Amino acid sequence: MGLREIKSEINKLNKEELIKHISELYKKYQPVKEYFDFYLNPDEKKLL
C-alpha cells in the first residue's frame, strides 16, 4: 500500500478514530513515541 492509499483511508476516518489509531501507534512503537514527544516538546539537546 502506498502513501496515496493511506491518505485516502485516513481521510475517511473521523476525529475519534484518528485519535485511537495515533494513540495505539504511540503506545506500540518507540520511534512514534519519540516523534510525538519531540513534536510536542522540541528539545534538541535531549534528542542528541
N, C-alpha and C. Protein backbone atom coordinates (compact mmCIF):
# COMPACT_ATOMS: atom_id res chain seq x y z
N MET A 1 0.85 -1.18 0.00
CA MET A 1 0.00 0.00 0.00
C MET A 1 0.89 1.23 0.00
N GLY A 2 0.57 2.17 -0.80
CA GLY A 2 1.36 3.38 -0.91
C GLY A 2 0.78 4.53 -0.10
N LEU A 3 1.52 5.63 -0.09
CA LEU A 3 1.12 6.80 0.67
C LEU A 3 -0.24 7.34 0.19
N ARG A 4 -0.48 7.30 -1.10
CA ARG A 4 -1.75 7.80 -1.64
C ARG A 4 -2.93 7.02 -1.06
N GLU A 5 -2.80 5.70 -0.98
CA GLU A 5 -3.87 4.87 -0.43
C GLU A 5 -4.06 5.12 1.06
N ILE A 6 -2.94 5.28 1.77
CA ILE A 6 -3.01 5.57 3.21
C ILE A 6 -3.74 6.89 3.44
N LYS A 7 -3.38 7.92 2.68
CA LYS A 7 -4.03 9.22 2.83
C LYS A 7 -5.52 9.12 2.53
N SER A 8 -5.88 8.34 1.54
CA SER A 8 -7.28 8.16 1.18
C SER A 8 -8.06 7.52 2.32
N GLU A 9 -7.47 6.50 2.94
CA GLU A 9 -8.13 5.83 4.05
C GLU A 9 -8.21 6.72 5.28
N ILE A 10 -7.17 7.49 5.55
CA ILE A 10 -7.16 8.40 6.69
C ILE A 10 -8.24 9.46 6.54
N ASN A 11 -8.44 9.93 5.33
CA ASN A 11 -9.47 10.95 5.08
C ASN A 11 -10.88 10.44 5.38
N LYS A 12 -11.06 9.14 5.39
CA LYS A 12 -12.37 8.55 5.68
C LYS A 12 -12.65 8.46 7.18
N LEU A 13 -11.64 8.61 8.01
CA LEU A 13 -11.79 8.45 9.45
C LEU A 13 -12.27 9.73 10.11
N ASN A 14 -13.01 9.57 11.21
CA ASN A 14 -13.41 10.74 11.97
C ASN A 14 -12.34 11.02 13.04
N LYS A 15 -12.51 12.10 13.76
CA LYS A 15 -11.50 12.54 14.73
C LYS A 15 -11.24 11.48 15.80
N GLU A 16 -12.28 10.87 16.33
CA GLU A 16 -12.12 9.87 17.38
C GLU A 16 -11.34 8.66 16.89
N GLU A 17 -11.60 8.23 15.65
CA GLU A 17 -10.88 7.10 15.08
C GLU A 17 -9.40 7.44 14.89
N LEU A 18 -9.13 8.66 14.43
CA LEU A 18 -7.74 9.09 14.26
C LEU A 18 -7.00 9.11 15.59
N ILE A 19 -7.66 9.63 16.62
CA ILE A 19 -7.04 9.68 17.95
C ILE A 19 -6.75 8.27 18.44
N LYS A 20 -7.67 7.35 18.23
CA LYS A 20 -7.48 5.96 18.64
C LYS A 20 -6.26 5.34 17.94
N HIS A 21 -6.17 5.52 16.63
CA HIS A 21 -5.06 4.95 15.87
C HIS A 21 -3.71 5.55 16.27
N ILE A 22 -3.68 6.85 16.43
CA ILE A 22 -2.44 7.52 16.83
C ILE A 22 -2.03 7.08 18.23
N SER A 23 -2.99 6.96 19.12
CA SER A 23 -2.69 6.51 20.48
C SER A 23 -2.11 5.09 20.49
N GLU A 24 -2.67 4.21 19.68
CA GLU A 24 -2.15 2.85 19.57
C GLU A 24 -0.72 2.85 19.04
N LEU A 25 -0.46 3.64 18.00
CA LEU A 25 0.89 3.72 17.46
C LEU A 25 1.86 4.26 18.50
N TYR A 26 1.43 5.27 19.25
CA TYR A 26 2.26 5.88 20.29
C TYR A 26 2.65 4.85 21.34
N LYS A 27 1.69 4.01 21.75
CA LYS A 27 1.96 3.01 22.78
C LYS A 27 2.82 1.86 22.27
N LYS A 28 2.66 1.47 21.01
CA LYS A 28 3.31 0.27 20.47
C LYS A 28 4.73 0.50 19.95
N TYR A 29 4.98 1.67 19.38
CA TYR A 29 6.23 1.88 18.64
C TYR A 29 7.04 3.04 19.22
N GLN A 30 8.22 2.71 19.69
CA GLN A 30 9.10 3.70 20.31
C GLN A 30 9.43 4.87 19.38
N PRO A 31 9.73 4.65 18.09
CA PRO A 31 10.00 5.79 17.21
C PRO A 31 8.82 6.76 17.09
N VAL A 32 7.60 6.24 17.12
CA VAL A 32 6.41 7.11 17.06
C VAL A 32 6.32 7.92 18.35
N LYS A 33 6.57 7.27 19.48
CA LYS A 33 6.56 7.96 20.77
C LYS A 33 7.60 9.08 20.79
N GLU A 34 8.80 8.77 20.33
CA GLU A 34 9.86 9.77 20.29
C GLU A 34 9.49 10.94 19.37
N TYR A 35 8.89 10.64 18.23
CA TYR A 35 8.48 11.68 17.29
C TYR A 35 7.48 12.63 17.94
N PHE A 36 6.42 12.07 18.54
CA PHE A 36 5.40 12.93 19.14
C PHE A 36 5.90 13.65 20.38
N ASP A 37 6.75 12.99 21.16
CA ASP A 37 7.35 13.67 22.32
C ASP A 37 8.15 14.88 21.87
N PHE A 38 8.93 14.72 20.82
CA PHE A 38 9.73 15.83 20.30
C PHE A 38 8.83 16.88 19.64
N TYR A 39 7.79 16.45 18.95
CA TYR A 39 6.85 17.37 18.30
C TYR A 39 6.19 18.28 19.33
N LEU A 40 5.81 17.70 20.47
CA LEU A 40 5.12 18.47 21.49
C LEU A 40 6.05 19.28 22.37
N ASN A 41 7.29 18.81 22.51
CA ASN A 41 8.25 19.50 23.36
C ASN A 41 9.64 19.40 22.72
N PRO A 42 9.90 20.23 21.69
CA PRO A 42 11.18 20.12 20.98
C PRO A 42 12.36 20.52 21.87
N ASP A 43 13.19 19.53 22.15
CA ASP A 43 14.40 19.75 22.97
C ASP A 43 15.55 19.08 22.25
N GLU A 44 16.25 19.85 21.42
CA GLU A 44 17.32 19.30 20.61
C GLU A 44 18.44 18.70 21.46
N LYS A 45 18.75 19.30 22.59
CA LYS A 45 19.81 18.79 23.46
C LYS A 45 19.48 17.40 23.97
N LYS A 46 18.24 17.20 24.39
CA LYS A 46 17.82 15.88 24.88
C LYS A 46 17.84 14.86 23.76
N LEU A 47 17.46 15.26 22.56
CA LEU A 47 17.41 14.35 21.42
C LEU A 47 18.81 13.86 21.06
N LEU A 48 19.80 14.74 21.14
CA LEU A 48 21.17 14.36 20.81
C LEU A 48 21.77 13.57 21.93
